[in-house]
Amino acid sequence: MKNRGTKRTIKGIVISNNMDKTIVVRAERLVKHPVFHKYIRRHVKYKAHDEHNSCNVGDTVLIVESRPLSKEKRWRMREILERAK
């Protein structure tokens, strides 16, 4: 069987878990400004599948790319890296 490539993984913080089996994850990255050469924070919000509803707001999680699960869900929660305090 041929290798289908590696799926993308992203680390982020859970900002919402109000939906059933779905979490909203905010992933931040640093981008260098083209003129001023300062680093700017940019963020993207992803909806991810959480099968056991185990995540809480503030948890740091690892999400992995998957097939489309609904209109906006294309990610699955792989593991909880750090629990919220």
N, C-alpha and C. Protein backbone atom coordinates (compact mmCIF):
# COMPACT_ATOMS: atom_id res chain seq x y z
N MET A 1 0.84 -1.19 0.00
CA MET A 1 0.00 0.00 0.00
C MET A 1 0.88 1.24 0.00
N LYS A 2 0.51 2.22 -0.80
CA LYS A 2 1.31 3.44 -0.89
C LYS A 2 1.07 4.34 0.32
N ASN A 3 2.10 5.13 0.63
CA ASN A 3 2.00 6.08 1.72
C ASN A 3 1.13 7.25 1.29
N ARG A 4 0.13 7.58 2.08
CA ARG A 4 -0.79 8.66 1.72
C ARG A 4 -0.34 10.01 2.27
N GLY A 5 0.85 10.08 2.82
CA GLY A 5 1.35 11.34 3.35
C GLY A 5 0.98 11.51 4.81
N THR A 6 1.55 12.51 5.44
CA THR A 6 1.27 12.77 6.84
C THR A 6 0.18 13.83 6.95
N LYS A 7 -0.68 13.66 7.94
CA LYS A 7 -1.75 14.63 8.16
C LYS A 7 -1.20 15.78 8.98
N ARG A 8 -1.72 16.98 8.71
CA ARG A 8 -1.26 18.15 9.44
C ARG A 8 -1.74 18.09 10.89
N THR A 9 -0.91 18.52 11.80
CA THR A 9 -1.30 18.63 13.20
C THR A 9 -1.07 20.06 13.65
N ILE A 10 -1.95 20.55 14.51
CA ILE A 10 -1.87 21.92 15.00
C ILE A 10 -2.11 21.91 16.50
N LYS A 11 -1.33 22.72 17.22
CA LYS A 11 -1.50 22.86 18.65
C LYS A 11 -2.25 24.15 18.91
N GLY A 12 -3.25 24.09 19.80
CA GLY A 12 -4.02 25.29 20.09
C GLY A 12 -4.72 25.20 21.42
N ILE A 13 -5.46 26.25 21.75
CA ILE A 13 -6.16 26.36 23.02
C ILE A 13 -7.66 26.30 22.77
N VAL A 14 -8.36 25.52 23.58
CA VAL A 14 -9.82 25.38 23.44
C VAL A 14 -10.46 26.67 23.96
N ILE A 15 -11.28 27.31 23.11
CA ILE A 15 -11.96 28.54 23.52
C ILE A 15 -13.46 28.34 23.70
N SER A 16 -13.99 27.19 23.23
CA SER A 16 -15.41 26.91 23.40
C SER A 16 -15.64 25.40 23.34
N ASN A 17 -16.53 24.92 24.22
CA ASN A 17 -16.94 23.52 24.16
C ASN A 17 -18.45 23.42 24.36
N ASN A 18 -19.20 24.43 23.92
CA ASN A 18 -20.64 24.47 24.11
C ASN A 18 -21.40 23.47 23.24
N MET A 19 -20.83 23.09 22.11
CA MET A 19 -21.50 22.17 21.20
C MET A 19 -21.27 20.72 21.63
N ASP A 20 -22.12 19.82 21.17
CA ASP A 20 -21.99 18.41 21.50
C ASP A 20 -20.92 17.78 20.62
N LYS A 21 -19.89 17.21 21.24
CA LYS A 21 -18.78 16.53 20.55
C LYS A 21 -18.00 17.45 19.62
N THR A 22 -18.05 18.75 19.86
CA THR A 22 -17.31 19.70 19.04
C THR A 22 -16.64 20.73 19.94
N ILE A 23 -15.39 21.07 19.62
CA ILE A 23 -14.69 22.13 20.33
C ILE A 23 -14.20 23.15 19.31
N VAL A 24 -14.01 24.36 19.78
CA VAL A 24 -13.43 25.41 18.94
C VAL A 24 -12.03 25.67 19.48
N VAL A 25 -11.03 25.55 18.59
CA VAL A 25 -9.63 25.66 18.98
C VAL A 25 -9.03 26.89 18.31
N ARG A 26 -8.34 27.71 19.10
CA ARG A 26 -7.67 28.90 18.58
C ARG A 26 -6.18 28.59 18.47
N ALA A 27 -5.67 28.68 17.24
CA ALA A 27 -4.25 28.42 16.98
C ALA A 27 -3.56 29.72 16.61
N GLU A 28 -2.49 30.04 17.32
CA GLU A 28 -1.75 31.28 17.05
C GLU A 28 -0.45 30.98 16.34
N ARG A 29 -0.01 31.95 15.54
CA ARG A 29 1.28 31.85 14.87
C ARG A 29 1.90 33.23 14.81
N LEU A 30 3.20 33.29 14.67
CA LEU A 30 3.91 34.56 14.55
C LEU A 30 4.28 34.79 13.09
N VAL A 31 3.99 36.01 12.60
CA VAL A 31 4.29 36.38 11.22
C VAL A 31 5.13 37.65 11.25
N LYS A 32 6.17 37.67 10.45
CA LYS A 32 7.03 38.84 10.40
C LYS A 32 6.43 39.90 9.48
N HIS A 33 6.31 41.13 9.97
CA HIS A 33 5.76 42.22 9.16
C HIS A 33 6.74 42.55 8.04
N PRO A 34 6.24 42.68 6.80
CA PRO A 34 7.15 42.88 5.67
C PRO A 34 7.92 44.20 5.68
N VAL A 35 7.36 45.24 6.27
CA VAL A 35 8.02 46.55 6.26
C VAL A 35 8.75 46.81 7.57
N PHE A 36 8.06 46.59 8.69
CA PHE A 36 8.62 46.95 9.99
C PHE A 36 9.44 45.84 10.64
N HIS A 37 9.43 44.64 10.08
CA HIS A 37 10.23 43.51 10.55
C HIS A 37 9.97 43.15 12.02
N LYS A 38 8.74 43.44 12.49
CA LYS A 38 8.35 43.02 13.83
C LYS A 38 7.47 41.78 13.69
N TYR A 39 7.45 40.96 14.73
CA TYR A 39 6.62 39.77 14.70
C TYR A 39 5.23 40.09 15.23
N ILE A 40 4.22 39.69 14.48
CA ILE A 40 2.81 39.96 14.80
C ILE A 40 2.12 38.63 15.06
N ARG A 41 1.23 38.58 16.07
CA ARG A 41 0.46 37.37 16.33
C ARG A 41 -0.75 37.33 15.42
N ARG A 42 -0.92 36.21 14.75
CA ARG A 42 -2.10 35.95 13.94
C ARG A 42 -2.76 34.70 14.49
N HIS A 43 -4.09 34.63 14.41
CA HIS A 43 -4.78 33.44 14.91
C HIS A 43 -5.87 32.99 13.95
N VAL A 44 -6.17 31.70 14.03
CA VAL A 44 -7.23 31.07 13.25
C VAL A 44 -8.03 30.20 14.22
N LYS A 45 -9.35 30.13 14.02
CA LYS A 45 -10.19 29.27 14.85
C LYS A 45 -10.62 28.06 14.02
N TYR A 46 -10.44 26.89 14.61
CA TYR A 46 -10.82 25.63 13.96
C TYR A 46 -11.89 24.94 14.79
N LYS A 47 -12.86 24.31 14.13
CA LYS A 47 -13.81 23.45 14.82
C LYS A 47 -13.28 22.02 14.72
N ALA A 48 -13.18 21.35 15.86
CA ALA A 48 -12.61 20.02 15.90
C ALA A 48 -13.56 19.06 16.59
N HIS A 49 -13.48 17.78 16.21
CA HIS A 49 -14.34 16.74 16.77
C HIS A 49 -13.73 16.21 18.06
N ASP A 50 -14.54 16.18 19.13
CA ASP A 50 -14.12 15.67 20.43
C ASP A 50 -15.11 14.56 20.81
N GLU A 51 -14.75 13.33 20.50
CA GLU A 51 -15.68 12.19 20.60
C GLU A 51 -16.25 11.99 22.00
N HIS A 52 -15.44 12.18 23.04
CA HIS A 52 -15.88 11.88 24.39
C HIS A 52 -16.23 13.12 25.21
N ASN A 53 -16.30 14.28 24.59
CA ASN A 53 -16.57 15.55 25.28
C ASN A 53 -15.64 15.73 26.48
N SER A 54 -14.36 15.45 26.29
CA SER A 54 -13.40 15.46 27.40
C SER A 54 -12.67 16.79 27.56
N CYS A 55 -12.79 17.70 26.61
CA CYS A 55 -12.06 18.97 26.67
C CYS A 55 -12.85 20.04 27.41
N ASN A 56 -12.11 20.90 28.10
CA ASN A 56 -12.69 22.06 28.76
C ASN A 56 -12.05 23.32 28.21
N VAL A 57 -12.68 24.45 28.44
CA VAL A 57 -12.14 25.73 27.98
C VAL A 57 -10.81 25.98 28.66
N GLY A 58 -9.81 26.36 27.87
CA GLY A 58 -8.47 26.63 28.40
C GLY A 58 -7.49 25.50 28.23
N ASP A 59 -7.96 24.31 27.85
CA ASP A 59 -7.06 23.18 27.63
C ASP A 59 -6.21 23.41 26.37
N THR A 60 -4.97 22.95 26.42
CA THR A 60 -4.12 22.96 25.24
C THR A 60 -4.23 21.59 24.58
N VAL A 61 -4.60 21.57 23.30
CA VAL A 61 -4.87 20.30 22.61
C VAL A 61 -4.09 20.22 21.31
N LEU A 62 -3.97 19.00 20.83
CA LEU A 62 -3.38 18.73 19.53
C LEU A 62 -4.50 18.24 18.62
N ILE A 63 -4.70 18.93 17.49
CA ILE A 63 -5.74 18.52 16.55
C ILE A 63 -5.08 18.05 15.27
N VAL A 64 -5.74 17.11 14.59
CA VAL A 64 -5.19 16.51 13.38
C VAL A 64 -6.22 16.62 12.27
N GLU A 65 -5.74 16.82 11.06
CA GLU A 65 -6.58 16.95 9.88
C GLU A 65 -7.35 15.65 9.63
N SER A 66 -8.59 15.77 9.15
CA SER A 66 -9.37 14.57 8.84
C SER A 66 -10.32 14.88 7.69
N ARG A 67 -11.12 13.88 7.36
CA ARG A 67 -12.12 14.08 6.31
C ARG A 67 -13.19 15.03 6.84
N PRO A 68 -14.00 15.64 5.97
CA PRO A 68 -15.06 16.52 6.46
C PRO A 68 -16.08 15.75 7.30
N LEU A 69 -16.31 16.23 8.52
CA LEU A 69 -17.24 15.60 9.43
C LEU A 69 -18.59 16.33 9.46
N SER A 70 -18.60 17.59 9.10
CA SER A 70 -19.82 18.38 8.99
C SER A 70 -19.50 19.57 8.10
N LYS A 71 -20.38 20.56 8.09
CA LYS A 71 -20.18 21.71 7.21
C LYS A 71 -18.86 22.43 7.49
N GLU A 72 -18.50 22.56 8.78
CA GLU A 72 -17.29 23.32 9.12
C GLU A 72 -16.22 22.49 9.83
N LYS A 73 -16.53 21.25 10.24
CA LYS A 73 -15.55 20.44 10.97
C LYS A 73 -14.69 19.62 10.02
N ARG A 74 -13.38 19.89 10.05
CA ARG A 74 -12.43 19.12 9.25
C ARG A 74 -11.24 18.67 10.08
N TRP A 75 -11.35 18.73 11.40
CA TRP A 75 -10.27 18.40 12.32
C TRP A 75 -10.79 17.49 13.42
N ARG A 76 -9.91 16.66 13.97
CA ARG A 76 -10.23 15.81 15.12
C ARG A 76 -9.24 16.12 16.23
N MET A 77 -9.71 16.04 17.47
CA MET A 77 -8.84 16.23 18.62
C MET A 77 -8.09 14.93 18.85
N ARG A 78 -6.76 14.98 18.78
CA ARG A 78 -5.95 13.77 18.98
C ARG A 78 -5.64 13.55 20.46
N GLU A 79 -5.15 14.60 21.15
CA GLU A 79 -4.83 14.43 22.57
C GLU A 79 -4.85 15.77 23.29
N ILE A 80 -5.05 15.70 24.58
CA ILE A 80 -5.00 16.88 25.43
C ILE A 80 -3.58 16.99 25.96
N LEU A 81 -2.88 18.06 25.59
CA LEU A 81 -1.49 18.23 25.99
C LEU A 81 -1.39 18.78 27.41
N GLU A 82 -2.29 19.72 27.76
CA GLU A 82 -2.23 20.33 29.08
C GLU A 82 -3.64 20.74 29.49
N ARG A 83 -4.01 20.41 30.72
CA ARG A 83 -5.33 20.77 31.23
C ARG A 83 -5.31 22.22 31.73
N ALA A 84 -6.47 22.86 31.67
CA ALA A 84 -6.60 24.22 32.21
C ALA A 84 -6.49 24.17 33.73
N LYS A 85 -5.98 25.24 34.29
CA LYS A 85 -5.79 25.28 35.74
C LYS A 85 -7.07 25.63 36.44
